[in-house]
Amino acid sequence: MTAFQTTHAFSGFSVDDIDAARTFYGDTLGMDVTTNAMGFLDIALPDGGSILVYAKPNHTPASFTILNFPVDDVEAAVDDLNARGVVTKIYDDSEFATDEKGILRGGPDRGPDIAWFTDPAGNVLAVLAAG
């Protein structure tokens, strides 16, 4: 048996306001969020695994997508998120030429349809076409 194991690996990221994160991930997105003994958030994923969310003084939002949600219909997911008050049009530059809903339309050389949004701490998340 090796000392390094991947069996219980998990991901984590920081936020600047743990209460705002609890509300966003738990109430707005409907994820299973609990608070652990250290005051960090544990987000349980439906297929197993978890994500640790912790408050960090002088938090700087990640400069990359920290969490992706594969969905069957990106446009319907964006409509649902927008109805929950989540803004999906966060890019206006030519590199990510999104439509009026904030969806970057995929294609053979572009990858899947995808739309990005941010959590209250400015971390970037995305919904993208599954499959």
C-alpha atoms as a PDB file:
ATOM      1  CA  MET A   1       0.000   0.000   0.000  1.00  0.00           C
ATOM      2  CA  THR A   2       1.325   3.444  -0.885  1.00  0.00           C
ATOM      3  CA  ALA A   3       1.213   6.371   1.512  1.00  0.00           C
ATOM      4  CA  PHE A   4      -0.297   8.737  -1.086  1.00  0.00           C
ATOM      5  CA  GLN A   5      -3.939   7.969  -1.825  1.00  0.00           C
ATOM      6  CA  THR A   6      -6.594   9.681  -3.909  1.00  0.00           C
ATOM      7  CA  THR A   7      -9.651   7.960  -2.426  1.00  0.00           C
ATOM      8  CA  HIS A   8     -10.971  10.883  -0.396  1.00  0.00           C
ATOM      9  CA  ALA A   9      -9.587  13.801  -2.399  1.00  0.00           C
ATOM     10  CA  PHE A  10     -11.591  17.016  -2.375  1.00  0.00           C
ATOM     11  CA  SER A  11     -11.332  20.484  -3.794  1.00  0.00           C
ATOM     12  CA  GLY A  12     -11.436  23.773  -1.947  1.00  0.00           C
ATOM     13  CA  PHE A  13     -11.480  27.493  -2.538  1.00  0.00           C
ATOM     14  CA  SER A  14     -11.603  30.693  -0.531  1.00  0.00           C
ATOM     15  CA  VAL A  15     -14.206  33.414  -0.130  1.00  0.00           C
ATOM     16  CA  ASP A  16     -14.221  36.744   1.660  1.00  0.00           C
ATOM     17  CA  ASP A  17     -17.596  36.251   3.399  1.00  0.00           C
ATOM     18  CA  ILE A  18     -18.496  32.750   4.601  1.00  0.00           C
ATOM     19  CA  ASP A  19     -22.120  33.716   5.367  1.00  0.00           C
ATOM     20  CA  ALA A  20     -22.660  35.139   1.870  1.00  0.00           C
ATOM     21  CA  ALA A  21     -21.114  31.967   0.423  1.00  0.00           C
ATOM     22  CA  ARG A  22     -23.422  29.761   2.543  1.00  0.00           C
ATOM     23  CA  THR A  23     -26.454  31.681   1.271  1.00  0.00           C
ATOM     24  CA  PHE A  24     -25.302  31.649  -2.365  1.00  0.00           C
ATOM     25  CA  TYR A  25     -24.288  27.993  -2.599  1.00  0.00           C
ATOM     26  CA  GLY A  26     -27.040  26.682  -0.315  1.00  0.00           C
ATOM     27  CA  ASP A  27     -30.050  28.895  -0.977  1.00  0.00           C
ATOM     28  CA  THR A  28     -29.433  30.399  -4.416  1.00  0.00           C
ATOM     29  CA  LEU A  29     -27.848  27.374  -6.120  1.00  0.00           C
ATOM     30  CA  GLY A  30     -29.612  24.754  -3.965  1.00  0.00           C
ATOM     31  CA  MET A  31     -26.484  22.801  -3.064  1.00  0.00           C
ATOM     32  CA  ASP A  32     -26.108  20.681   0.093  1.00  0.00           C
ATOM     33  CA  VAL A  33     -24.066  23.001   2.350  1.00  0.00           C
ATOM     34  CA  THR A  34     -23.108  22.340   5.964  1.00  0.00           C
ATOM     35  CA  THR A  35     -20.768  24.131   8.341  1.00  0.00           C
ATOM     36  CA  ASN A  36     -17.984  22.049   9.858  1.00  0.00           C
ATOM     37  CA  ALA A  37     -16.448  22.375  13.340  1.00  0.00           C
ATOM     38  CA  MET A  38     -13.881  24.896  12.076  1.00  0.00           C
ATOM     39  CA  GLY A  39     -16.548  27.189  10.592  1.00  0.00           C
ATOM     40  CA  PHE A  40     -15.740  26.193   7.012  1.00  0.00           C
ATOM     41  CA  LEU A  41     -18.411  25.156   4.550  1.00  0.00           C
ATOM     42  CA  ASP A  42     -18.640  21.615   3.249  1.00  0.00           C
ATOM     43  CA  ILE A  43     -20.543  21.312  -0.026  1.00  0.00           C
ATOM     44  CA  ALA A  44     -21.605  17.714  -0.660  1.00  0.00           C
ATOM     45  CA  LEU A  45     -21.841  16.811  -4.338  1.00  0.00           C
ATOM     46  CA  PRO A  46     -24.734  14.559  -5.421  1.00  0.00           C
ATOM     47  CA  ASP A  47     -22.475  11.928  -7.014  1.00  0.00           C
ATOM     48  CA  GLY A  48     -20.090  11.830  -4.043  1.00  0.00           C
ATOM     49  CA  GLY A  49     -17.155  14.001  -3.198  1.00  0.00           C
ATOM     50  CA  SER A  50     -17.174  17.373  -1.568  1.00  0.00           C
ATOM     51  CA  ILE A  51     -15.849  20.896  -1.768  1.00  0.00           C
ATOM     52  CA  LEU A  52     -14.376  22.846   1.143  1.00  0.00           C
ATOM     53  CA  VAL A  53     -15.094  26.587   1.211  1.00  0.00           C
ATOM     54  CA  TYR A  54     -13.133  28.681   3.676  1.00  0.00           C
ATOM     55  CA  ALA A  55     -12.909  32.343   4.586  1.00  0.00           C
ATOM     56  CA  LYS A  56      -9.569  33.935   3.814  1.00  0.00           C
ATOM     57  CA  PRO A  57      -8.437  37.381   4.904  1.00  0.00           C
ATOM     58  CA  ASN A  58      -7.508  39.489   1.862  1.00  0.00           C
ATOM     59  CA  HIS A  59      -9.272  36.996  -0.428  1.00  0.00           C
ATOM     60  CA  THR A  60      -8.555  37.442  -4.116  1.00  0.00           C
ATOM     61  CA  PRO A  61     -11.023  35.775  -6.500  1.00  0.00           C
ATOM     62  CA  ALA A  62      -9.614  32.900  -8.525  1.00  0.00           C
ATOM     63  CA  SER A  63      -8.567  33.913 -12.049  1.00  0.00           C
ATOM     64  CA  PHE A  64     -10.013  30.691 -13.475  1.00  0.00           C
ATOM     65  CA  THR A  65     -13.274  28.739 -13.323  1.00  0.00           C
ATOM     66  CA  ILE A  66     -13.355  27.017  -9.931  1.00  0.00           C
ATOM     67  CA  LEU A  67     -16.531  24.981 -10.372  1.00  0.00           C
ATOM     68  CA  ASN A  68     -18.292  23.676 -13.481  1.00  0.00           C
ATOM     69  CA  PHE A  69     -21.873  22.439 -13.647  1.00  0.00           C
ATOM     70  CA  PRO A  70     -22.525  20.159 -16.656  1.00  0.00           C
ATOM     71  CA  VAL A  71     -26.150  20.539 -17.784  1.00  0.00           C
ATOM     72  CA  ASP A  72     -28.304  19.109 -20.556  1.00  0.00           C
ATOM     73  CA  ASP A  73     -29.534  22.526 -21.721  1.00  0.00           C
ATOM     74  CA  VAL A  74     -27.265  25.535 -21.128  1.00  0.00           C
ATOM     75  CA  GLU A  75     -29.889  28.063 -22.221  1.00  0.00           C
ATOM     76  CA  ALA A  76     -32.489  26.631 -19.808  1.00  0.00           C
ATOM     77  CA  ALA A  77     -29.885  26.563 -17.008  1.00  0.00           C
ATOM     78  CA  VAL A  78     -29.000  30.213 -17.702  1.00  0.00           C
ATOM     79  CA  ASP A  79     -32.696  31.158 -17.628  1.00  0.00           C
ATOM     80  CA  ASP A  80     -33.040  29.331 -14.296  1.00  0.00           C
ATOM     81  CA  LEU A  81     -29.949  31.016 -12.835  1.00  0.00           C
ATOM     82  CA  ASN A  82     -31.095  34.449 -14.052  1.00  0.00           C
ATOM     83  CA  ALA A  83     -34.498  33.854 -12.405  1.00  0.00           C
ATOM     84  CA  ARG A  84     -32.612  33.201  -9.141  1.00  0.00           C
ATOM     85  CA  GLY A  85     -30.839  36.560  -9.479  1.00  0.00           C
ATOM     86  CA  VAL A  86     -27.546  35.171 -10.804  1.00  0.00           C
ATOM     87  CA  VAL A  87     -25.920  37.303 -13.516  1.00  0.00           C
ATOM     88  CA  THR A  88     -24.451  35.183 -16.320  1.00  0.00           C
ATOM     89  CA  LYS A  89     -23.225  37.907 -18.673  1.00  0.00           C
ATOM     90  CA  ILE A  90     -19.860  38.635 -17.062  1.00  0.00           C
ATOM     91  CA  TYR A  91     -17.650  38.847 -20.152  1.00  0.00           C
ATOM     92  CA  ASP A  92     -17.939  41.531 -22.830  1.00  0.00           C
ATOM     93  CA  ASP A  93     -14.625  41.109 -24.632  1.00  0.00           C
ATOM     94  CA  SER A  94     -14.008  39.472 -27.977  1.00  0.00           C
ATOM     95  CA  GLU A  95     -12.091  36.536 -26.470  1.00  0.00           C
ATOM     96  CA  PHE A  96     -15.327  35.291 -24.882  1.00  0.00           C
ATOM     97  CA  ALA A  97     -17.903  36.558 -27.360  1.00  0.00           C
ATOM     98  CA  THR A  98     -21.031  35.674 -25.436  1.00  0.00           C
ATOM     99  CA  ASP A  99     -24.588  36.376 -26.526  1.00  0.00           C
ATOM    100  CA  GLU A 100     -27.090  38.572 -24.678  1.00  0.00           C
ATOM    101  CA  LYS A 101     -27.612  35.835 -22.052  1.00  0.00           C
ATOM    102  CA  GLY A 102     -23.895  35.400 -21.475  1.00  0.00           C
ATOM    103  CA  ILE A 103     -23.625  32.099 -23.363  1.00  0.00           C
ATOM    104  CA  LEU A 104     -20.546  31.355 -25.417  1.00  0.00           C
ATOM    105  CA  ARG A 105     -21.886  29.184 -28.200  1.00  0.00           C
ATOM    106  CA  GLY A 106     -19.714  26.172 -28.855  1.00  0.00           C
ATOM    107  CA  GLY A 107     -18.930  24.384 -32.039  1.00  0.00           C
ATOM    108  CA  PRO A 108     -16.611  21.801 -33.578  1.00  0.00           C
ATOM    109  CA  ASP A 109     -13.464  23.792 -32.806  1.00  0.00           C
ATOM    110  CA  ARG A 110     -14.791  25.764 -29.820  1.00  0.00           C
ATOM    111  CA  GLY A 111     -15.969  23.193 -27.292  1.00  0.00           C
ATOM    112  CA  PRO A 112     -19.374  23.091 -25.607  1.00  0.00           C
ATOM    113  CA  ASP A 113     -21.844  25.909 -25.020  1.00  0.00           C
ATOM    114  CA  ILE A 114     -20.849  27.561 -21.744  1.00  0.00           C
ATOM    115  CA  ALA A 115     -21.923  30.465 -19.549  1.00  0.00           C
ATOM    116  CA  TRP A 116     -19.951  31.878 -16.645  1.00  0.00           C
ATOM    117  CA  PHE A 117     -21.127  33.570 -13.461  1.00  0.00           C
ATOM    118  CA  THR A 118     -19.568  34.598 -10.162  1.00  0.00           C
ATOM    119  CA  ASP A 119     -20.208  33.847  -6.515  1.00  0.00           C
ATOM    120  CA  PRO A 120     -20.424  36.726  -4.006  1.00  0.00           C
ATOM    121  CA  ALA A 121     -16.631  36.552  -3.519  1.00  0.00           C
ATOM    122  CA  GLY A 122     -15.967  37.006  -7.253  1.00  0.00           C
ATOM    123  CA  ASN A 123     -14.927  33.393  -7.934  1.00  0.00           C
ATOM    124  CA  VAL A 124     -15.937  32.227 -11.426  1.00  0.00           C
ATOM    125  CA  LEU A 125     -18.301  29.283 -11.950  1.00  0.00           C
ATOM    126  CA  ALA A 126     -19.828  27.917 -15.154  1.00  0.00           C
ATOM    127  CA  VAL A 127     -22.660  25.915 -16.617  1.00  0.00           C
ATOM    128  CA  LEU A 128     -21.667  23.997 -19.728  1.00  0.00           C
ATOM    129  CA  ALA A 129     -23.233  21.522 -22.077  1.00  0.00           C
ATOM    130  CA  ALA A 130     -22.836  18.002 -20.719  1.00  0.00           C
ATOM    131  CA  GLY A 131     -21.530  15.338 -22.842  1.00  0.00           C
END
